[in-house]
Amino acid sequence: MKNSALLALLGAIYLALFCMPANAQATRTWVSGAGDDANPCSRTAACKTFAGAISKTEAGGEINCLDPGGFGALTITKAITINCEETLGSVLVSGTNGIVIAAGTNDSVTLKGIEIEGLSNTGSSSPNGVLFNSGRELHIHKFQIRNFLESGIAVMTNTAGSRVYIADGYISHCASASGAGIFVSPSAGDNTSINRVQIESCGVGIDGSANASPLNVSVRDSVVSGGSGNGIQLGSAGGAATMMVDHTTIFANVGVGVTVSGGTLRIGDSIVTANVTGVSVSGSGILLTYKTNQINGNGTDGTPITNQDGLN
């Protein structure tokens, strides 16, 4: 009798400790070019796609790339980190967005070490590499984005007070005339920081457009070149807008290097050259300089910059 009770107790302990429900999620999961989405996404039984892995990853968890591969388009609806820095983690899409973030108001999403290819030069019309619709924070580091019809990164968030941090990346060939390397036009207030990013051959390099809420954009140590339109532009459709451009080169754009039609844009220690027009101001825009820029060698260097607020 005692032995039967002991065996029953041990069996219950075993089930409690070692049996996991079928829908259990892990804090860290893995994808592999040779994986299978039917797997649990562990290191020894990796999944095939980001979409397969995210369903098996806890909110706030992390997806890692085990080896090189193309891991498919993804919609993110919770806090998550995708980190493929140590190998090639690629998203190749045709006719759709690469990665869409539609997360909760308190969620933070990190994308690191990812290459996103849109194939827009084949006529597939893939709209955006990364589309940020909602979430508290978005971090994009060490990335490459190419060949999207609209924008490499589109910040369209409806989450008030959202923050976007973009660093150490390369964006090229946003195919349409209105396409931007980075397009920041939230429907709620947003702060976007852009550091050490090279943008080439897009309709507009960096496009900041304020709607009903405040917009703040910082651009530092970056290059915007070879665009079919303006290099950097700031506008406002009713919201307060500010942009700071520092230590940045705006070069050989078939339009205006730096232009503002609404809000206030400040520029310092930057080079604006070989554009059709160097700088311009229109509408209610204000363009301020710290007098440390090199704005010359353009077809027309452009409208004089307003100097005020003690800038020197």
Protein backbone atom coordinates (compact mmCIF):
# COMPACT_ATOMS: atom_id res chain seq x y z
CA MET A 1 0.00 0.00 0.00
CA LYS A 2 2.80 2.35 0.90
CA ASN A 3 4.63 1.54 -2.33
CA SER A 4 1.51 2.31 -4.41
CA ALA A 5 1.06 5.68 -2.69
CA LEU A 6 4.74 6.51 -3.20
CA LEU A 7 4.59 5.62 -6.88
CA ALA A 8 1.49 7.74 -7.36
CA LEU A 9 3.17 10.71 -5.67
CA LEU A 10 6.31 10.38 -7.76
CA GLY A 11 4.20 10.16 -10.91
CA ALA A 12 2.38 13.38 -10.03
CA ILE A 13 5.65 15.18 -9.35
CA TYR A 14 7.06 13.98 -12.68
CA LEU A 15 4.03 15.27 -14.58
CA ALA A 16 4.14 18.64 -12.82
CA LEU A 17 7.83 19.17 -13.46
CA PHE A 18 8.42 17.72 -16.88
CA CYS A 19 5.20 17.76 -18.87
CA MET A 20 4.56 21.00 -20.69
CA PRO A 21 1.27 22.02 -22.28
CA ALA A 22 1.17 21.97 -26.07
CA ASN A 23 0.81 25.75 -26.28
CA ALA A 24 3.74 26.59 -23.95
CA GLN A 25 6.03 29.38 -25.16
CA ALA A 26 9.77 29.81 -24.69
CA THR A 27 11.64 32.97 -23.80
CA ARG A 28 14.20 32.24 -26.56
CA THR A 29 13.53 30.52 -29.86
CA TRP A 30 15.56 29.76 -32.97
CA VAL A 31 15.10 29.79 -36.75
CA SER A 32 17.23 27.96 -39.30
CA GLY A 33 17.38 27.67 -43.06
CA ALA A 34 16.96 23.94 -42.52
CA GLY A 35 14.28 24.27 -39.84
CA ASP A 36 10.60 23.30 -39.76
CA ASP A 37 7.74 25.34 -38.28
CA ALA A 38 6.31 22.13 -36.82
CA ASN A 39 9.33 22.06 -34.48
CA PRO A 40 9.32 23.64 -31.00
CA CYS A 41 11.84 26.27 -32.24
CA SER A 42 14.52 25.17 -29.78
CA ARG A 43 18.20 25.35 -30.65
CA THR A 44 18.26 21.65 -31.56
CA ALA A 45 14.87 21.73 -33.35
CA ALA A 46 14.65 25.16 -34.95
CA CYS A 47 11.74 26.65 -36.86
CA LYS A 48 11.81 27.66 -40.54
CA THR A 49 10.30 31.16 -40.41
CA PHE A 50 10.00 34.17 -38.11
CA ALA A 51 6.21 33.76 -38.25
CA GLY A 52 6.52 30.18 -37.07
CA ALA A 53 8.88 31.13 -34.25
CA ILE A 54 7.01 34.16 -32.92
CA SER A 55 3.94 32.07 -32.10
CA LYS A 56 6.14 29.92 -29.85
CA THR A 57 7.99 32.85 -28.21
CA GLU A 58 6.81 34.56 -25.05
CA ALA A 59 6.04 38.27 -25.12
CA GLY A 60 9.31 40.05 -24.32
CA GLY A 61 11.31 37.05 -25.55
CA GLU A 62 13.90 36.74 -28.31
CA ILE A 63 14.17 34.98 -31.68
CA ASN A 64 17.71 34.16 -32.88
CA CYS A 65 19.00 32.97 -36.24
CA LEU A 66 20.91 29.71 -35.94
CA ASP A 67 22.36 29.84 -39.46
CA PRO A 68 21.86 31.80 -42.72
CA GLY A 69 18.42 31.77 -44.25
CA GLY A 70 15.42 33.63 -45.61
CA PHE A 71 12.85 33.65 -42.84
CA GLY A 72 9.83 35.31 -44.40
CA ALA A 73 7.55 38.29 -43.84
CA LEU A 74 6.29 38.90 -40.32
CA THR A 75 3.62 40.84 -38.42
CA ILE A 76 4.63 41.57 -34.82
CA THR A 77 1.83 42.10 -32.30
CA LYS A 78 3.77 41.90 -29.01
CA ALA A 79 7.06 42.88 -27.40
CA ILE A 80 9.84 40.87 -29.04
CA THR A 81 13.50 40.95 -30.08
CA ILE A 82 14.70 39.41 -33.34
CA ASN A 83 18.50 39.20 -33.34
CA CYS A 84 20.41 37.75 -36.30
CA GLU A 85 23.60 39.77 -35.90
CA GLU A 86 25.95 36.78 -35.99
CA THR A 87 24.65 35.34 -39.29
CA LEU A 88 22.49 36.25 -42.31
CA GLY A 89 18.87 36.71 -41.29
CA SER A 90 16.97 37.71 -44.42
CA VAL A 91 13.40 38.64 -45.33
CA LEU A 92 12.61 38.43 -49.05
CA VAL A 93 9.10 39.57 -50.01
CA SER A 94 7.12 40.14 -53.20
CA GLY A 95 4.14 42.48 -53.22
CA THR A 96 3.87 42.88 -49.44
CA ASN A 97 5.49 44.68 -46.51
CA GLY A 98 8.58 43.03 -45.08
CA ILE A 99 7.99 43.43 -41.33
CA VAL A 100 4.90 45.09 -39.83
CA ILE A 101 4.85 46.17 -36.17
CA ALA A 102 1.32 46.35 -34.76
CA ALA A 103 2.21 45.96 -31.09
CA GLY A 104 0.58 47.14 -27.88
CA THR A 105 0.97 50.60 -26.39
CA ASN A 106 3.56 49.40 -23.84
CA ASP A 107 5.47 47.03 -26.13
CA SER A 108 9.08 47.41 -27.24
CA VAL A 109 10.29 45.72 -30.44
CA THR A 110 13.93 45.25 -31.50
CA LEU A 111 15.12 44.18 -34.96
CA LYS A 112 18.87 43.58 -35.17
CA GLY A 113 21.09 42.23 -37.92
CA ILE A 114 18.34 41.73 -40.52
CA GLU A 115 18.44 42.16 -44.31
CA ILE A 116 15.10 42.98 -45.97
CA GLU A 117 14.69 42.78 -49.78
CA GLY A 118 11.54 43.98 -51.53
CA LEU A 119 12.09 43.09 -55.20
CA SER A 120 10.30 46.26 -56.35
CA ASN A 121 12.58 46.41 -59.37
CA THR A 122 10.82 43.30 -60.68
CA GLY A 123 7.42 45.02 -60.69
CA SER A 124 6.14 43.20 -57.59
CA SER A 125 5.38 46.51 -55.84
CA SER A 126 6.40 45.60 -52.29
CA PRO A 127 5.41 48.71 -50.30
CA ASN A 128 7.58 49.07 -47.15
CA GLY A 129 10.53 47.24 -45.68
CA VAL A 130 9.50 47.96 -42.08
CA LEU A 131 6.08 49.46 -41.28
CA PHE A 132 5.62 50.68 -37.71
CA ASN A 133 1.89 51.02 -37.00
CA SER A 134 1.77 50.82 -33.20
CA GLY A 135 3.93 50.17 -30.15
CA ARG A 136 5.85 52.05 -27.49
CA GLU A 137 9.39 51.64 -28.89
CA LEU A 138 11.01 50.35 -32.07
CA HIS A 139 14.76 49.68 -32.24
CA ILE A 140 16.32 48.84 -35.63
CA HIS A 141 20.08 48.22 -35.60
CA LYS A 142 22.66 46.84 -38.05
CA PHE A 143 20.34 46.33 -41.00
CA GLN A 144 20.06 46.51 -44.78
CA ILE A 145 16.83 47.37 -46.62
CA ARG A 146 16.55 47.46 -50.42
CA ASN A 147 14.09 47.73 -53.30
CA PHE A 148 10.78 48.77 -51.81
CA LEU A 149 8.22 50.78 -53.75
CA GLU A 150 7.34 53.16 -50.94
CA SER A 151 9.70 53.40 -47.96
CA GLY A 152 12.53 51.45 -46.44
CA ILE A 153 11.23 52.29 -42.96
CA ALA A 154 7.79 53.89 -42.51
CA VAL A 155 6.93 55.28 -39.06
CA MET A 156 3.13 55.61 -39.11
CA THR A 157 2.45 54.82 -35.46
CA ASN A 158 -0.80 55.76 -33.75
CA THR A 159 0.72 55.28 -30.28
CA ALA A 160 1.12 58.64 -28.54
CA GLY A 161 4.67 59.34 -27.38
CA SER A 162 6.23 56.46 -29.32
CA ARG A 163 10.00 56.34 -29.78
CA VAL A 164 11.99 55.01 -32.74
CA TYR A 165 15.75 54.36 -32.72
CA ILE A 166 17.39 53.58 -36.08
CA ALA A 167 21.16 53.01 -36.22
CA ASP A 168 23.95 51.48 -38.29
CA GLY A 169 22.07 50.69 -41.45
CA TYR A 170 21.85 50.96 -45.24
CA ILE A 171 18.71 51.74 -47.25
CA SER A 172 18.62 51.92 -51.04
CA HIS A 173 16.32 52.00 -54.07
CA CYS A 174 12.91 53.11 -52.85
CA ALA A 175 11.47 52.99 -56.33
CA SER A 176 8.58 55.47 -56.50
CA ALA A 177 9.05 59.23 -56.72
CA SER A 178 7.23 59.60 -53.39
CA GLY A 179 9.09 56.75 -51.73
CA ALA A 180 11.41 57.61 -48.85
CA GLY A 181 14.35 55.87 -47.28
CA ILE A 182 12.85 56.75 -43.90
CA PHE A 183 9.33 58.20 -43.78
CA VAL A 184 8.20 59.58 -40.39
CA SER A 185 4.53 60.59 -40.41
CA PRO A 186 2.82 59.33 -37.25
CA SER A 187 -0.82 59.97 -36.43
CA ALA A 188 0.26 60.55 -32.81
CA GLY A 189 3.35 62.19 -31.30
CA ASP A 190 6.67 60.52 -32.01
CA ASN A 191 10.41 60.92 -31.37
CA THR A 192 12.66 59.34 -34.02
CA SER A 193 16.46 59.10 -33.78
CA ILE A 194 18.51 58.24 -36.89
CA ASN A 195 22.23 57.56 -36.43
CA ARG A 196 24.91 56.29 -38.84
CA VAL A 197 22.48 55.41 -41.63
CA GLN A 198 23.32 55.60 -45.36
CA ILE A 199 20.39 56.21 -47.71
CA GLU A 200 20.86 55.99 -51.47
CA SER A 201 18.66 56.23 -54.58
CA CYS A 202 15.28 56.84 -52.96
CA GLY A 203 12.59 59.34 -53.97
CA VAL A 204 13.23 61.27 -50.72
CA GLY A 205 16.00 60.35 -48.34
CA ILE A 206 14.45 61.28 -44.98
CA ASP A 207 10.90 62.66 -44.94
CA GLY A 208 9.43 64.05 -41.72
CA SER A 209 5.75 65.02 -41.85
CA ALA A 210 3.88 66.08 -38.71
CA ASN A 211 0.15 65.50 -38.50
CA ALA A 212 -1.96 66.40 -35.46
CA SER A 213 0.68 65.74 -32.79
CA PRO A 214 4.29 66.81 -32.09
CA LEU A 215 7.05 65.24 -34.16
CA ASN A 216 10.75 65.31 -33.23
CA VAL A 217 13.42 63.84 -35.51
CA SER A 218 17.19 63.70 -34.96
CA VAL A 219 19.62 62.79 -37.79
CA ARG A 220 23.31 62.34 -36.99
CA ASP A 221 26.43 60.94 -38.71
CA SER A 222 24.46 59.84 -41.77
CA VAL A 223 24.59 60.10 -45.59
CA VAL A 224 21.67 60.88 -47.90
CA SER A 225 22.64 60.72 -51.56
CA GLY A 226 21.57 60.02 -55.11
CA GLY A 227 17.84 60.52 -54.59
CA SER A 228 15.39 61.33 -57.36
CA GLY A 229 13.80 64.02 -55.16
CA ASN A 230 14.77 65.90 -52.02
CA GLY A 231 17.44 64.70 -49.63
CA ILE A 232 15.96 65.66 -46.24
CA GLN A 233 12.61 67.37 -45.82
CA LEU A 234 10.39 68.44 -42.95
CA GLY A 235 6.76 69.54 -43.16
CA SER A 236 3.72 69.97 -40.99
CA ALA A 237 0.03 69.37 -41.59
CA GLY A 238 -1.03 70.78 -38.23
CA GLY A 239 1.32 69.31 -35.63
CA ALA A 240 4.49 70.87 -34.20
CA ALA A 241 7.57 69.56 -35.98
CA THR A 242 11.28 69.81 -35.25
CA MET A 243 14.30 68.15 -36.84
CA MET A 244 18.00 68.32 -35.94
CA VAL A 245 20.56 67.38 -38.63
CA ASP A 246 24.13 67.04 -37.37
CA HIS A 247 27.37 65.73 -38.94
CA THR A 248 25.49 64.53 -42.01
CA THR A 249 26.25 64.61 -45.75
CA ILE A 250 23.44 65.39 -48.20
CA PHE A 251 24.86 64.79 -51.66
CA ALA A 252 23.79 64.60 -55.33
CA ASN A 253 20.03 64.58 -54.91
CA VAL A 254 17.86 65.59 -57.90
CA GLY A 255 15.95 68.11 -55.83
CA VAL A 256 16.68 70.14 -52.70
CA GLY A 257 19.31 68.86 -50.31
CA VAL A 258 17.56 70.15 -47.18
CA THR A 259 14.09 71.73 -47.29
CA VAL A 260 11.47 72.71 -44.73
CA SER A 261 7.87 73.75 -45.40
CA GLY A 262 6.57 73.55 -41.84
CA GLY A 263 8.16 73.32 -38.40
CA THR A 264 11.76 74.07 -37.48
CA LEU A 265 14.83 72.32 -38.89
CA ARG A 266 18.27 72.93 -37.38
CA ILE A 267 21.46 71.92 -39.16
CA GLY A 268 25.07 71.89 -37.96
CA ASP A 269 28.47 70.47 -38.98
CA SER A 270 26.95 69.07 -42.18
CA ILE A 271 27.79 69.05 -45.89
CA VAL A 272 25.17 69.93 -48.51
CA THR A 273 26.67 69.68 -52.00
CA ALA A 274 26.06 68.58 -55.61
CA ASN A 275 22.28 68.77 -55.21
CA VAL A 276 20.17 70.64 -57.76
CA THR A 277 19.33 73.10 -54.93
CA GLY A 278 21.19 73.20 -51.65
CA VAL A 279 18.61 74.42 -49.11
CA SER A 280 15.14 75.95 -49.28
CA VAL A 281 12.39 77.26 -47.02
CA SER A 282 8.69 77.62 -47.82
CA GLY A 283 5.35 78.03 -46.07
CA SER A 284 5.71 78.35 -42.30
CA GLY A 285 9.04 76.50 -42.25
CA ILE A 286 12.10 77.76 -40.36
CA LEU A 287 15.62 76.62 -41.24
CA LEU A 288 18.31 77.45 -38.67
CA THR A 289 22.05 76.91 -38.86
CA TYR A 290 24.85 76.70 -36.34
CA LYS A 291 27.10 78.29 -39.03
CA THR A 292 29.33 75.20 -39.10
CA ASN A 293 27.99 73.77 -42.38
CA GLN A 294 29.43 73.51 -45.88
CA ILE A 295 26.57 74.45 -48.20
CA ASN A 296 28.10 74.99 -51.61
CA GLY A 297 28.76 73.32 -54.93
CA ASN A 298 25.03 72.85 -55.59
CA GLY A 299 23.31 73.91 -58.81
CA THR A 300 21.86 76.70 -56.67
CA ASP A 301 22.92 76.87 -53.06
CA GLY A 302 19.45 78.10 -52.15
CA THR A 303 17.43 80.26 -49.85
CA PRO A 304 19.36 82.05 -47.09
CA ILE A 305 18.96 80.37 -43.71
CA THR A 306 17.32 82.23 -40.84
CA ASN A 307 19.76 82.66 -37.93
CA GLN A 308 18.17 83.17 -34.53
CA ASP A 309 17.85 81.75 -31.03
CA GLY A 310 21.51 82.51 -30.35
CA LEU A 311 22.83 80.04 -32.92
CA ASN A 312 26.37 80.70 -34.09
